[in-house]
C-alpha atoms as a PDB file:
ATOM      1  CA  MET A   1      81.049  86.539  96.127  1.00  0.00           C
ATOM      2  CA  ARG A   2      81.160  84.003  98.953  1.00  0.00           C
ATOM      3  CA  GLY A   3      81.552  84.277 102.703  1.00  0.00           C
ATOM      4  CA  ARG A   4      82.395  81.899 105.515  1.00  0.00           C
ATOM      5  CA  GLY A   5      83.538  82.124 109.094  1.00  0.00           C
ATOM      6  CA  THR A   6      86.491  80.221 110.572  1.00  0.00           C
ATOM      7  CA  GLY A   7      87.969  79.989 114.022  1.00  0.00           C
ATOM      8  CA  SER A   8      91.377  80.935 115.400  1.00  0.00           C
ATOM      9  CA  ASP A   9      93.327  80.126 118.544  1.00  0.00           C
ATOM     10  CA  CYS A  10      95.045  83.536 118.793  1.00  0.00           C
ATOM     11  CA  HIS A  11      94.084  85.159 122.113  1.00  0.00           C
ATOM     12  CA  SER A  12      97.194  87.254 122.618  1.00  0.00           C
ATOM     13  CA  PRO A  13      96.993  90.748 124.111  1.00  0.00           C
ATOM     14  CA  CYS A  14      98.326  92.247 120.892  1.00  0.00           C
ATOM     15  CA  SER A  15      94.799  93.355 119.950  1.00  0.00           C
ATOM     16  CA  GLY A  16      95.317  96.281 122.353  1.00  0.00           C
ATOM     17  CA  ASP A  17      92.761  98.211 124.358  1.00  0.00           C
ATOM     18  CA  LYS A  18      89.985  97.811 121.796  1.00  0.00           C
ATOM     19  CA  PRO A  19      89.066  94.114 121.680  1.00  0.00           C
ATOM     20  CA  LEU A  20      86.226  94.777 119.259  1.00  0.00           C
ATOM     21  CA  GLU A  21      88.442  96.391 116.627  1.00  0.00           C
ATOM     22  CA  ILE A  22      88.095  94.740 113.233  1.00  0.00           C
ATOM     23  CA  PHE A  23      91.144  93.942 111.097  1.00  0.00           C
ATOM     24  CA  ALA A  24      91.011  92.824 107.481  1.00  0.00           C
ATOM     25  CA  GLY A  25      93.646  91.003 105.462  1.00  0.00           C
ATOM     26  CA  ILE A  26      93.483  90.879 101.677  1.00  0.00           C
ATOM     27  CA  ASP A  27      95.292  88.360  99.489  1.00  0.00           C
ATOM     28  CA  VAL A  28      95.462  89.850  96.002  1.00  0.00           C
ATOM     29  CA  GLY A  29      95.481  87.643  92.930  1.00  0.00           C
ATOM     30  CA  ALA A  30      95.317  88.163  89.184  1.00  0.00           C
ATOM     31  CA  THR A  31      91.590  87.418  88.849  1.00  0.00           C
ATOM     32  CA  SER A  32      90.249  87.662  92.393  1.00  0.00           C
ATOM     33  CA  VAL A  33      90.964  89.034  95.849  1.00  0.00           C
ATOM     34  CA  VAL A  34      90.232  87.163  99.067  1.00  0.00           C
ATOM     35  CA  MET A  35      89.473  89.145 102.215  1.00  0.00           C
ATOM     36  CA  SER A  36      89.551  87.746 105.740  1.00  0.00           C
ATOM     37  CA  VAL A  37      87.951  89.716 108.588  1.00  0.00           C
ATOM     38  CA  ARG A  38      89.225  89.285 112.146  1.00  0.00           C
ATOM     39  CA  ARG A  39      87.899  90.516 115.495  1.00  0.00           C
ATOM     40  CA  ALA A  40      89.036  89.878 119.078  1.00  0.00           C
ATOM     41  CA  GLY A  41      91.572  87.235 118.034  1.00  0.00           C
ATOM     42  CA  ARG A  42      89.212  85.260 115.802  1.00  0.00           C
ATOM     43  CA  THR A  43      88.567  85.118 112.072  1.00  0.00           C
ATOM     44  CA  ILE A  44      84.890  85.892 111.686  1.00  0.00           C
ATOM     45  CA  ALA A  45      84.417  85.863 107.902  1.00  0.00           C
ATOM     46  CA  THR A  46      86.134  85.316 104.567  1.00  0.00           C
ATOM     47  CA  HIS A  47      84.929  86.848 101.314  1.00  0.00           C
ATOM     48  CA  GLU A  48      86.046  86.646  97.715  1.00  0.00           C
ATOM     49  CA  PHE A  49      85.685  89.444  95.153  1.00  0.00           C
ATOM     50  CA  GLY A  50      86.565  89.869  91.505  1.00  0.00           C
ATOM     51  CA  GLN A  51      89.805  91.624  90.570  1.00  0.00           C
ATOM     52  CA  THR A  52      87.875  94.401  88.836  1.00  0.00           C
ATOM     53  CA  PRO A  53      86.838  97.969  89.696  1.00  0.00           C
ATOM     54  CA  GLU A  54      83.374  96.622  90.493  1.00  0.00           C
ATOM     55  CA  GLY A  55      84.851  93.955  92.748  1.00  0.00           C
ATOM     56  CA  HIS A  56      86.964  96.565  94.525  1.00  0.00           C
ATOM     57  CA  GLN A  57      83.881  98.699  95.175  1.00  0.00           C
ATOM     58  CA  ALA A  58      81.982  95.704  96.541  1.00  0.00           C
ATOM     59  CA  LEU A  59      84.884  94.996  98.900  1.00  0.00           C
ATOM     60  CA  ILE A  60      84.997  98.631 100.030  1.00  0.00           C
ATOM     61  CA  LYS A  61      81.248  98.604 100.693  1.00  0.00           C
ATOM     62  CA  LYS A  62      81.731  95.550 102.886  1.00  0.00           C
ATOM     63  CA  LEU A  63      84.382  97.324 104.974  1.00  0.00           C
ATOM     64  CA  THR A  64      83.337 100.969 105.105  1.00  0.00           C
ATOM     65  CA  GLY A  65      83.040 102.330 108.618  1.00  0.00           C
ATOM     66  CA  GLN A  66      83.878  99.188 110.544  1.00  0.00           C
ATOM     67  CA  VAL A  67      87.568  98.394 110.191  1.00  0.00           C
ATOM     68  CA  ALA A  68      90.661  99.519 112.118  1.00  0.00           C
ATOM     69  CA  CYS A  69      93.199  98.427 109.505  1.00  0.00           C
ATOM     70  CA  VAL A  70      93.248  96.717 106.102  1.00  0.00           C
ATOM     71  CA  VAL A  71      96.513  94.864 105.378  1.00  0.00           C
ATOM     72  CA  LEU A  72      97.918  93.986 101.937  1.00  0.00           C
ATOM     73  CA  GLU A  73     101.309  92.801 100.752  1.00  0.00           C
ATOM     74  CA  ALA A  74     103.347  94.996  98.405  1.00  0.00           C
ATOM     75  CA  THR A  75     103.778  92.150  95.958  1.00  0.00           C
ATOM     76  CA  GLY A  76     102.837  91.476  92.354  1.00  0.00           C
ATOM     77  CA  ILE A  77     101.306  94.135  90.123  1.00  0.00           C
ATOM     78  CA  TYR A  78      97.682  93.994  91.234  1.00  0.00           C
ATOM     79  CA  TYR A  79      97.787  95.300  94.797  1.00  0.00           C
ATOM     80  CA  LEU A  80      98.370  98.975  93.982  1.00  0.00           C
ATOM     81  CA  ASP A  81      95.081  99.844  92.292  1.00  0.00           C
ATOM     82  CA  LEU A  82      93.153  98.142  95.097  1.00  0.00           C
ATOM     83  CA  ALA A  83      95.225  99.892  97.780  1.00  0.00           C
ATOM     84  CA  VAL A  84      94.600 103.270  96.120  1.00  0.00           C
ATOM     85  CA  ALA A  85      90.861 102.548  95.895  1.00  0.00           C
ATOM     86  CA  LEU A  86      90.757 101.634  99.604  1.00  0.00           C
ATOM     87  CA  HIS A  87      92.752 104.733 100.547  1.00  0.00           C
ATOM     88  CA  ARG A  88      90.517 107.035  98.509  1.00  0.00           C
ATOM     89  CA  ALA A  89      87.482 105.506 100.201  1.00  0.00           C
ATOM     90  CA  GLY A  90      88.893 106.687 103.517  1.00  0.00           C
ATOM     91  CA  LEU A  91      89.836 103.249 104.835  1.00  0.00           C
ATOM     92  CA  PRO A  92      93.021 102.765 106.917  1.00  0.00           C
ATOM     93  CA  VAL A  93      95.379 100.767 104.672  1.00  0.00           C
ATOM     94  CA  ALA A  94      98.714  99.166 105.557  1.00  0.00           C
ATOM     95  CA  VAL A  95     100.855  97.917 102.664  1.00  0.00           C
ATOM     96  CA  ILE A  96     103.509  95.678 104.208  1.00  0.00           C
ATOM     97  CA  ASN A  97     106.836  94.322 103.014  1.00  0.00           C
ATOM     98  CA  PRO A  98     106.433  90.728 101.740  1.00  0.00           C
ATOM     99  CA  ARG A  99     109.527  89.678 103.695  1.00  0.00           C
ATOM    100  CA  SER A 100     107.964  90.877 106.951  1.00  0.00           C
ATOM    101  CA  PHE A 101     104.855  88.855 106.219  1.00  0.00           C
ATOM    102  CA  HIS A 102     106.957  85.799 105.325  1.00  0.00           C
ATOM    103  CA  HIS A 103     108.737  86.012 108.681  1.00  0.00           C
ATOM    104  CA  PHE A 104     105.408  86.418 110.470  1.00  0.00           C
ATOM    105  CA  ALA A 105     104.019  83.307 108.748  1.00  0.00           C
ATOM    106  CA  ASN A 106     107.112  81.343 109.803  1.00  0.00           C
ATOM    107  CA  LEU A 107     106.709  82.592 113.354  1.00  0.00           C
ATOM    108  CA  LYS A 108     103.138  81.291 113.371  1.00  0.00           C
ATOM    109  CA  LEU A 109     104.447  77.910 112.143  1.00  0.00           C
ATOM    110  CA  ASN A 110     102.098  78.124 109.198  1.00  0.00           C
ATOM    111  CA  THR A 111     102.662  75.186 106.843  1.00  0.00           C
ATOM    112  CA  SER A 112      99.660  75.550 104.521  1.00  0.00           C
ATOM    113  CA  LYS A 113      99.231  78.151 101.822  1.00  0.00           C
ATOM    114  CA  THR A 114      95.946  79.099 100.237  1.00  0.00           C
ATOM    115  CA  ASP A 115      94.466  82.478  99.394  1.00  0.00           C
ATOM    116  CA  ALA A 116      92.097  82.267 102.362  1.00  0.00           C
ATOM    117  CA  ILE A 117      94.876  81.259 104.775  1.00  0.00           C
ATOM    118  CA  ASP A 118      97.130  84.067 103.559  1.00  0.00           C
ATOM    119  CA  ALA A 119      94.298  86.594 103.930  1.00  0.00           C
ATOM    120  CA  ALA A 120      93.632  85.389 107.484  1.00  0.00           C
ATOM    121  CA  LEU A 121      97.327  85.673 108.352  1.00  0.00           C
ATOM    122  CA  LEU A 122      97.440  89.204 106.954  1.00  0.00           C
ATOM    123  CA  ALA A 123      94.504  90.160 109.161  1.00  0.00           C
ATOM    124  CA  GLU A 124      96.269  88.608 112.154  1.00  0.00           C
ATOM    125  CA  TYR A 125      99.434  90.507 111.229  1.00  0.00           C
ATOM    126  CA  GLY A 126      97.459  93.736 111.337  1.00  0.00           C
ATOM    127  CA  GLU A 127      95.960  92.869 114.721  1.00  0.00           C
ATOM    128  CA  CYS A 128      99.249  91.866 116.330  1.00  0.00           C
ATOM    129  CA  MET A 129     101.812  94.133 114.664  1.00  0.00           C
ATOM    130  CA  LYS A 130      99.814  97.349 114.219  1.00  0.00           C
ATOM    131  CA  PRO A 131     101.680  98.299 111.000  1.00  0.00           C
ATOM    132  CA  ALA A 132     102.057 101.922 109.965  1.00  0.00           C
ATOM    133  CA  LEU A 133      99.338 103.186 107.666  1.00  0.00           C
ATOM    134  CA  TRP A 134     100.126 103.591 103.987  1.00  0.00           C
ATOM    135  CA  GLN A 135      99.872 106.812 102.034  1.00  0.00           C
ATOM    136  CA  ALA A 136      98.738 106.510  98.440  1.00  0.00           C
ATOM    137  CA  PRO A 137     100.925 108.050  95.712  1.00  0.00           C
ATOM    138  CA  ASP A 138      99.708 111.506  94.776  1.00  0.00           C
ATOM    139  CA  ASP A 139      97.461 111.996  91.782  1.00  0.00           C
ATOM    140  CA  ALA A 140     100.339 113.352  89.688  1.00  0.00           C
ATOM    141  CA  LEU A 141     102.276 110.074  90.030  1.00  0.00           C
ATOM    142  CA  MET A 142      99.211 107.951  89.294  1.00  0.00           C
ATOM    143  CA  GLY A 143      98.529 110.131  86.253  1.00  0.00           C
ATOM    144  CA  LEU A 144     102.147 109.806  85.165  1.00  0.00           C
ATOM    145  CA  ARG A 145     101.905 106.030  85.435  1.00  0.00           C
ATOM    146  CA  ASP A 146      98.750 105.983  83.287  1.00  0.00           C
ATOM    147  CA  ILE A 147     100.352 108.236  80.657  1.00  0.00           C
ATOM    148  CA  GLY A 148     103.501 106.087  80.641  1.00  0.00           C
ATOM    149  CA  ARG A 149     101.449 102.939  80.062  1.00  0.00           C
ATOM    150  CA  GLN A 150      99.515 104.543  77.224  1.00  0.00           C
ATOM    151  CA  ILE A 151     102.786 105.601  75.579  1.00  0.00           C
ATOM    152  CA  ASN A 152     104.004 102.011  75.935  1.00  0.00           C
ATOM    153  CA  ARG A 153     100.861 100.645  74.274  1.00  0.00           C
ATOM    154  CA  LEU A 154     101.009 103.163  71.427  1.00  0.00           C
ATOM    155  CA  THR A 155     104.702 102.445  70.868  1.00  0.00           C
ATOM    156  CA  ALA A 156     103.952  98.725  70.546  1.00  0.00           C
ATOM    157  CA  THR A 157     101.149  99.498  68.097  1.00  0.00           C
ATOM    158  CA  ARG A 158     103.496 101.728  66.082  1.00  0.00           C
ATOM    159  CA  THR A 159     106.068  98.929  65.882  1.00  0.00           C
ATOM    160  CA  GLN A 160     103.401  96.575  64.534  1.00  0.00           C
ATOM    161  CA  ALA A 161     102.341  99.194  61.994  1.00  0.00           C
ATOM    162  CA  LYS A 162     105.939  99.687  60.836  1.00  0.00           C
ATOM    163  CA  ASN A 163     106.298  95.928  60.387  1.00  0.00           C
ATOM    164  CA  ARG A 164     103.106  95.865  58.313  1.00  0.00           C
ATOM    165  CA  LEU A 165     104.379  98.765  56.200  1.00  0.00           C
ATOM    166  CA  HIS A 166     107.654  96.925  55.577  1.00  0.00           C
ATOM    167  CA  ALA A 167     105.708  93.857  54.449  1.00  0.00           C
ATOM    168  CA  LEU A 168     103.521  95.933  52.132  1.00  0.00           C
ATOM    169  CA  ARG A 169     106.514  97.642  50.549  1.00  0.00           C
ATOM    170  CA  SER A 170     108.243  94.321  49.968  1.00  0.00           C
ATOM    171  CA  LYS A 171     105.602  93.388  47.352  1.00  0.00           C
ATOM    172  CA  SER A 172     105.515  95.099  43.985  1.00  0.00           C
ATOM    173  CA  SER A 173     101.777  94.406  43.627  1.00  0.00           C
ATOM    174  CA  THR A 174     100.731  96.302  46.773  1.00  0.00           C
ATOM    175  CA  LEU A 175      98.255  99.089  46.115  1.00  0.00           C
ATOM    176  CA  ALA A 176      99.627 102.574  46.770  1.00  0.00           C
ATOM    177  CA  LEU A 177      96.468 103.269  48.770  1.00  0.00           C
ATOM    178  CA  LEU A 178      97.431 100.639  51.364  1.00  0.00           C
ATOM    179  CA  ILE A 179     100.943 102.004  51.762  1.00  0.00           C
ATOM    180  CA  GLU A 180      99.569 105.537  52.109  1.00  0.00           C
ATOM    181  CA  ASP A 181      97.022 104.393  54.692  1.00  0.00           C
ATOM    182  CA  GLU A 182      99.635 102.599  56.802  1.00  0.00           C
ATOM    183  CA  THR A 183     101.991 105.593  56.569  1.00  0.00           C
ATOM    184  CA  ASP A 184      99.224 107.939  57.713  1.00  0.00           C
ATOM    185  CA  GLY A 185      98.497 105.634  60.646  1.00  0.00           C
ATOM    186  CA  ILE A 186     102.156 105.671  61.747  1.00  0.00           C
ATOM    187  CA  GLU A 187     102.293 109.472  61.520  1.00  0.00           C
ATOM    188  CA  ARG A 188      99.161 109.711  63.662  1.00  0.00           C
ATOM    189  CA  LEU A 189     100.700 107.382  66.246  1.00  0.00           C
ATOM    190  CA  ASP A 190     103.871 109.520  66.258  1.00  0.00           C
ATOM    191  CA  GLN A 191     101.754 112.578  66.994  1.00  0.00           C
ATOM    192  CA  ARG A 192      99.890 110.862  69.827  1.00  0.00           C
ATOM    193  CA  ILE A 193     103.108 109.592  71.406  1.00  0.00           C
ATOM    194  CA  GLU A 194     104.694 113.041  71.176  1.00  0.00           C
ATOM    195  CA  LYS A 195     101.614 114.660  72.733  1.00  0.00           C
ATOM    196  CA  LEU A 196     101.583 112.229  75.658  1.00  0.00           C
ATOM    197  CA  SER A 197     105.339 112.529  76.165  1.00  0.00           C
ATOM    198  CA  LYS A 198     104.978 116.302  76.480  1.00  0.00           C
ATOM    199  CA  ALA A 199     102.149 115.834  78.984  1.00  0.00           C
ATOM    200  CA  ALA A 200     104.309 113.456  81.028  1.00  0.00           C
ATOM    201  CA  LEU A 201     107.177 115.948  81.046  1.00  0.00           C
ATOM    202  CA  GLU A 202     104.838 118.714  82.172  1.00  0.00           C
ATOM    203  CA  LEU A 203     103.750 116.591  85.131  1.00  0.00           C
ATOM    204  CA  ILE A 204     107.361 115.813  86.006  1.00  0.00           C
ATOM    205  CA  ASN A 205     108.554 119.387  85.670  1.00  0.00           C
ATOM    206  CA  GLN A 206     105.844 120.611  88.050  1.00  0.00           C
ATOM    207  CA  GLN A 207     107.714 118.844  90.845  1.00  0.00           C
ATOM    208  CA  PRO A 208     111.482 119.518  91.155  1.00  0.00           C
ATOM    209  CA  HIS A 209     111.872 116.199  93.006  1.00  0.00           C
ATOM    210  CA  TYR A 210     110.512 114.194  90.061  1.00  0.00           C
ATOM    211  CA  LYS A 211     112.537 116.266  87.618  1.00  0.00           C
ATOM    212  CA  GLN A 212     115.735 115.447  89.501  1.00  0.00           C
ATOM    213  CA  GLN A 213     114.833 111.761  89.653  1.00  0.00           C
ATOM    214  CA  LEU A 214     114.377 111.663  85.882  1.00  0.00           C
ATOM    215  CA  ALA A 215     117.728 113.402  85.452  1.00  0.00           C
ATOM    216  CA  ASN A 216     119.391 110.826  87.716  1.00  0.00           C
ATOM    217  CA  ILE A 217     117.871 107.907  85.817  1.00  0.00           C
ATOM    218  CA  THR A 218     118.832 109.233  82.389  1.00  0.00           C
ATOM    219  CA  CYS A 219     122.484 109.456  83.444  1.00  0.00           C
ATOM    220  CA  ALA A 220     122.601 105.763  82.504  1.00  0.00           C
ATOM    221  CA  LYS A 221     123.889 104.949  79.049  1.00  0.00           C
ATOM    222  CA  GLY A 222     120.964 103.643  77.026  1.00  0.00           C
ATOM    223  CA  ILE A 223     118.214 105.236  79.093  1.00  0.00           C
ATOM    224  CA  GLY A 224     116.743 108.116  77.143  1.00  0.00           C
ATOM    225  CA  GLN A 225     113.895 110.413  78.004  1.00  0.00           C
ATOM    226  CA  ALA A 226     111.096 108.067  76.893  1.00  0.00           C
ATOM    227  CA  SER A 227     112.505 105.055  78.766  1.00  0.00           C
ATOM    228  CA  GLY A 228     113.264 107.192  81.795  1.00  0.00           C
ATOM    229  CA  ILE A 229     109.696 108.487  81.933  1.00  0.00           C
ATOM    230  CA  ALA A 230     108.331 104.956  81.668  1.00  0.00           C
ATOM    231  CA  MET A 231     110.587 103.686  84.497  1.00  0.00           C
ATOM    232  CA  LEU A 232     109.849 106.667  86.712  1.00  0.00           C
ATOM    233  CA  ALA A 233     106.119 106.244  86.075  1.00  0.00           C
ATOM    234  CA  GLU A 234     106.126 102.586  87.129  1.00  0.00           C
ATOM    235  CA  LEU A 235     108.593 102.714  90.030  1.00  0.00           C
ATOM    236  CA  SER A 236     107.555 105.944  91.733  1.00  0.00           C
ATOM    237  CA  VAL A 237     104.296 104.413  92.965  1.00  0.00           C
ATOM    238  CA  LEU A 238     106.072 101.577  94.824  1.00  0.00           C
ATOM    239  CA  PRO A 239     106.821 101.671  98.581  1.00  0.00           C
ATOM    240  CA  ARG A 240     110.401 102.861  99.087  1.00  0.00           C
ATOM    241  CA  GLU A 241     111.126 100.165 101.680  1.00  0.00           C
ATOM    242  CA  LEU A 242     111.094  97.434  99.013  1.00  0.00           C
ATOM    243  CA  LYS A 243     114.456  95.752  98.412  1.00  0.00           C
ATOM    244  CA  SER A 244     115.976  95.343  94.957  1.00  0.00           C
ATOM    245  CA  PRO A 245     115.111  91.611  94.672  1.00  0.00           C
ATOM    246  CA  GLN A 246     111.495  92.440  95.486  1.00  0.00           C
ATOM    247  CA  VAL A 247     111.450  95.109  92.787  1.00  0.00           C
ATOM    248  CA  SER A 248     112.890  92.537  90.354  1.00  0.00           C
ATOM    249  CA  ARG A 249     110.044  90.196  91.235  1.00  0.00           C
ATOM    250  CA  TYR A 250     107.588  93.046  90.739  1.00  0.00           C
ATOM    251  CA  ALA A 251     108.996  93.484  87.226  1.00  0.00           C
ATOM    252  CA  GLY A 252     108.897  89.735  86.527  1.00  0.00           C
ATOM    253  CA  LEU A 253     112.680  89.652  86.097  1.00  0.00           C
ATOM    254  CA  ASP A 254     113.278  87.083  88.823  1.00  0.00           C
ATOM    255  CA  VAL A 255     114.463  83.626  87.753  1.00  0.00           C
ATOM    256  CA  ARG A 256     112.320  80.600  88.516  1.00  0.00           C
ATOM    257  CA  LEU A 257     114.124  77.289  88.837  1.00  0.00           C
ATOM    258  CA  CYS A 258     112.488  73.947  88.059  1.00  0.00           C
ATOM    259  CA  GLN A 259     114.410  71.175  89.797  1.00  0.00           C
ATOM    260  CA  SER A 260     112.979  68.024  91.329  1.00  0.00           C
ATOM    261  CA  GLY A 261     115.014  64.944  92.179  1.00  0.00           C
ATOM    262  CA  THR A 262     117.123  63.554  89.364  1.00  0.00           C
ATOM    263  CA  SER A 263     114.469  63.463  86.633  1.00  0.00           C
ATOM    264  CA  VAL A 264     113.619  67.158  86.387  1.00  0.00           C
ATOM    265  CA  ASN A 265     116.356  69.736  86.005  1.00  0.00           C
ATOM    266  CA  LYS A 266     115.217  72.438  83.626  1.00  0.00           C
ATOM    267  CA  PRO A 267     117.152  75.664  83.057  1.00  0.00           C
ATOM    268  CA  GLY A 268     115.965  78.693  84.994  1.00  0.00           C
ATOM    269  CA  ARG A 269     113.559  81.017  83.240  1.00  0.00           C
ATOM    270  CA  LEU A 270     112.249  84.502  83.906  1.00  0.00           C
ATOM    271  CA  SER A 271     109.006  84.366  85.828  1.00  0.00           C
ATOM    272  CA  LYS A 272     107.448  87.176  83.720  1.00  0.00           C
ATOM    273  CA  ALA A 273     104.739  87.204  86.407  1.00  0.00           C
ATOM    274  CA  GLY A 274     105.124  90.903  86.923  1.00  0.00           C
ATOM    275  CA  ASN A 275     104.956  94.356  85.422  1.00  0.00           C
ATOM    276  CA  ALA A 276     105.243  93.990  81.648  1.00  0.00           C
ATOM    277  CA  TYR A 277     105.414  97.775  81.201  1.00  0.00           C
ATOM    278  CA  LEU A 278     108.547  97.930  83.333  1.00  0.00           C
ATOM    279  CA  ARG A 279     110.193  95.034  81.492  1.00  0.00           C
ATOM    280  CA  SER A 280     109.409  96.724  78.193  1.00  0.00           C
ATOM    281  CA  ALA A 281     110.947  99.983  79.402  1.00  0.00           C
ATOM    282  CA  LEU A 282     114.156  98.176  80.395  1.00  0.00           C
ATOM    283  CA  TYR A 283     114.674  96.078  77.264  1.00  0.00           C
ATOM    284  CA  MET A 284     116.001  98.651  74.786  1.00  0.00           C
ATOM    285  CA  PRO A 285     118.187 100.454  77.385  1.00  0.00           C
ATOM    286  CA  ALA A 286     119.807  97.125  78.296  1.00  0.00           C
ATOM    287  CA  LEU A 287     120.369  96.364  74.614  1.00  0.00           C
ATOM    288  CA  SER A 288     122.077  99.737  74.206  1.00  0.00           C
ATOM    289  CA  ALA A 289     124.043  99.343  77.451  1.00  0.00           C
ATOM    290  CA  VAL A 290     125.747  96.105  76.363  1.00  0.00           C
ATOM    291  CA  ARG A 291     127.086  98.008  73.350  1.00  0.00           C
ATOM    292  CA  HIS A 292     128.014 101.358  74.841  1.00  0.00           C
ATOM    293  CA  ASP A 293     128.548 100.923  78.599  1.00  0.00           C
ATOM    294  CA  PRO A 294     131.923  99.195  79.283  1.00  0.00           C
ATOM    295  CA  ASN A 295     130.747  97.737  82.607  1.00  0.00           C
ATOM    296  CA  ALA A 296     127.517  96.326  81.210  1.00  0.00           C
ATOM    297  CA  LYS A 297     129.283  95.038  78.094  1.00  0.00           C
ATOM    298  CA  ALA A 298     131.942  93.208  80.144  1.00  0.00           C
ATOM    299  CA  PHE A 299     129.287  91.647  82.384  1.00  0.00           C
ATOM    300  CA  TYR A 300     127.190  90.622  79.363  1.00  0.00           C
ATOM    301  CA  GLU A 301     130.148  88.993  77.616  1.00  0.00           C
ATOM    302  CA  ALA A 302     131.296  87.249  80.807  1.00  0.00           C
ATOM    303  CA  LEU A 303     127.898  85.609  81.165  1.00  0.00           C
ATOM    304  CA  GLN A 304     128.019  84.360  77.576  1.00  0.00           C
ATOM    305  CA  LYS A 305     131.472  82.886  78.180  1.00  0.00           C
ATOM    306  CA  ARG A 306     129.944  80.959  81.088  1.00  0.00           C
ATOM    307  CA  GLY A 307     127.423  79.400  78.704  1.00  0.00           C
ATOM    308  CA  LYS A 308     124.479  81.759  79.035  1.00  0.00           C
ATOM    309  CA  LYS A 309     122.453  82.526  75.933  1.00  0.00           C
ATOM    310  CA  LYS A 310     122.385  86.099  74.666  1.00  0.00           C
ATOM    311  CA  ILE A 311     118.828  86.690  75.851  1.00  0.00           C
ATOM    312  CA  GLN A 312     119.656  85.292  79.296  1.00  0.00           C
ATOM    313  CA  ALA A 313     122.675  87.587  79.590  1.00  0.00           C
ATOM    314  CA  LEU A 314     120.598  90.543  78.398  1.00  0.00           C
ATOM    315  CA  CYS A 315     117.915  89.857  81.001  1.00  0.00           C
ATOM    316  CA  ALA A 316     120.637  89.781  83.669  1.00  0.00           C
ATOM    317  CA  VAL A 317     121.710  93.255  82.499  1.00  0.00           C
ATOM    318  CA  MET A 318     118.061  94.359  82.703  1.00  0.00           C
ATOM    319  CA  ARG A 319     117.970  93.224  86.338  1.00  0.00           C
ATOM    320  CA  LYS A 320     121.191  95.091  87.085  1.00  0.00           C
ATOM    321  CA  TYR A 321     119.883  98.239  85.446  1.00  0.00           C
ATOM    322  CA  LEU A 322     116.638  97.967  87.393  1.00  0.00           C
ATOM    323  CA  THR A 323     118.656  97.742  90.613  1.00  0.00           C
ATOM    324  CA  GLY A 324     120.550 100.874  89.615  1.00  0.00           C
ATOM    325  CA  VAL A 325     117.402 102.809  88.746  1.00  0.00           C
ATOM    326  CA  TRP A 326     115.773 101.792  92.034  1.00  0.00           C
ATOM    327  CA  ALA A 327     118.859 103.066  93.881  1.00  0.00           C
ATOM    328  CA  CYS A 328     118.489 106.381  92.031  1.00  0.00           C
ATOM    329  CA  LEU A 329     114.940 106.745  93.331  1.00  0.00           C
ATOM    330  CA  LYS A 330     115.666 105.612  96.890  1.00  0.00           C
ATOM    331  CA  LEU A 331     118.927 107.445  97.458  1.00  0.00           C
ATOM    332  CA  GLY A 332     118.529 110.425  95.135  1.00  0.00           C
ATOM    333  CA  VAL A 333     121.841 109.777  93.369  1.00  0.00           C
ATOM    334  CA  PRO A 334     122.731 109.688  89.652  1.00  0.00           C
ATOM    335  CA  PHE A 335     122.901 106.306  87.934  1.00  0.00           C
ATOM    336  CA  ASP A 336     126.399 104.808  88.159  1.00  0.00           C
ATOM    337  CA  SER A 337     126.996 101.498  86.389  1.00  0.00           C
ATOM    338  CA  SER A 338     130.339 101.022  88.178  1.00  0.00           C
ATOM    339  CA  GLU A 339     128.342 100.392  91.369  1.00  0.00           C
ATOM    340  CA  LEU A 340     126.410  97.567  89.704  1.00  0.00           C
ATOM    341  CA  PHE A 341     129.026  95.506  87.915  1.00  0.00           C
ATOM    342  CA  SER A 342     132.206  93.884  89.248  1.00  0.00           C
ATOM    343  CA  ASP A 343     135.614  95.203  88.186  1.00  0.00           C
ATOM    344  CA  GLU A 344     136.620  91.566  87.556  1.00  0.00           C
ATOM    345  CA  HIS A 345     134.535  91.539  84.410  1.00  0.00           C
ATOM    346  CA  LEU A 346     136.420  94.536  83.017  1.00  0.00           C
ATOM    347  CA  LYS A 347     139.785  92.982  83.864  1.00  0.00           C
ATOM    348  CA  ASN A 348     138.879  89.791  82.031  1.00  0.00           C
ATOM    349  CA  ALA A 349     137.290  91.552  79.060  1.00  0.00           C
END
């Protein structure tokens, strides 16, 4: 952990009636978090901590009892666990929309971008804008997310085991003991997945609101109970004010372009710098949708006619489906693919 103090030229009255209030901004990364502490219009210290439970506790210890607001961006996949830890420690946390922070940085004419600079700007945002405090998702939703992720991991392990079993059965010289052992392992995984799925449903059914949300999501062709639980588990913990493109970035389904002058012009690729559990939950439903949902199928085929590869077109359907699922959660309406895809695709199908 390191610390350093830096100056600031912000002496605006936005710090309010308590000039000695302390504001903290935290820039969250994959391996570390950088915290900037600000008081009376000046940055007084910057600290770096590991992106681990131990690092989070060290950060909390540094802040406990002396901060008016801790500001984080609702971006990436790493902010949530830290925000929950801060909230449970009794600290005032504000999780802000990344677009709001982007506009604030532009307003400050900020041209440099480092973790420390972003953390300092987040602290200044808290001092000047006084954002509303964030409420952590309830324990049931956090538990549902953890169960959903465990189901995802076990499902991936089961797929690997089934592939191994297929390879063993393809050889006539394979010992029966090995085939029996692999079969027993798959049956055990089936039992564990079924047990966790029941536990997830019990959590959902305890709250009529969650039960209705799952029903709305599973109205989509291709989204069954298991996929619906996984999506609900991952999306329910996100701030509702996020826009669909921001949720796509959270899932790593946004496209990154690589273009520079005339010498570099690579095709766009998925960033994949996001929630792998959510992408996994969307893959099979999208694959089913392009076969059984007329709107998704027409959109998928139209993209291929324009020169897109099958996987690129499928990922575009995944993004569309994610937008539809997010609308289900925000608006409380059943999934409707006709709201996601243009009628032009059906006409030209």
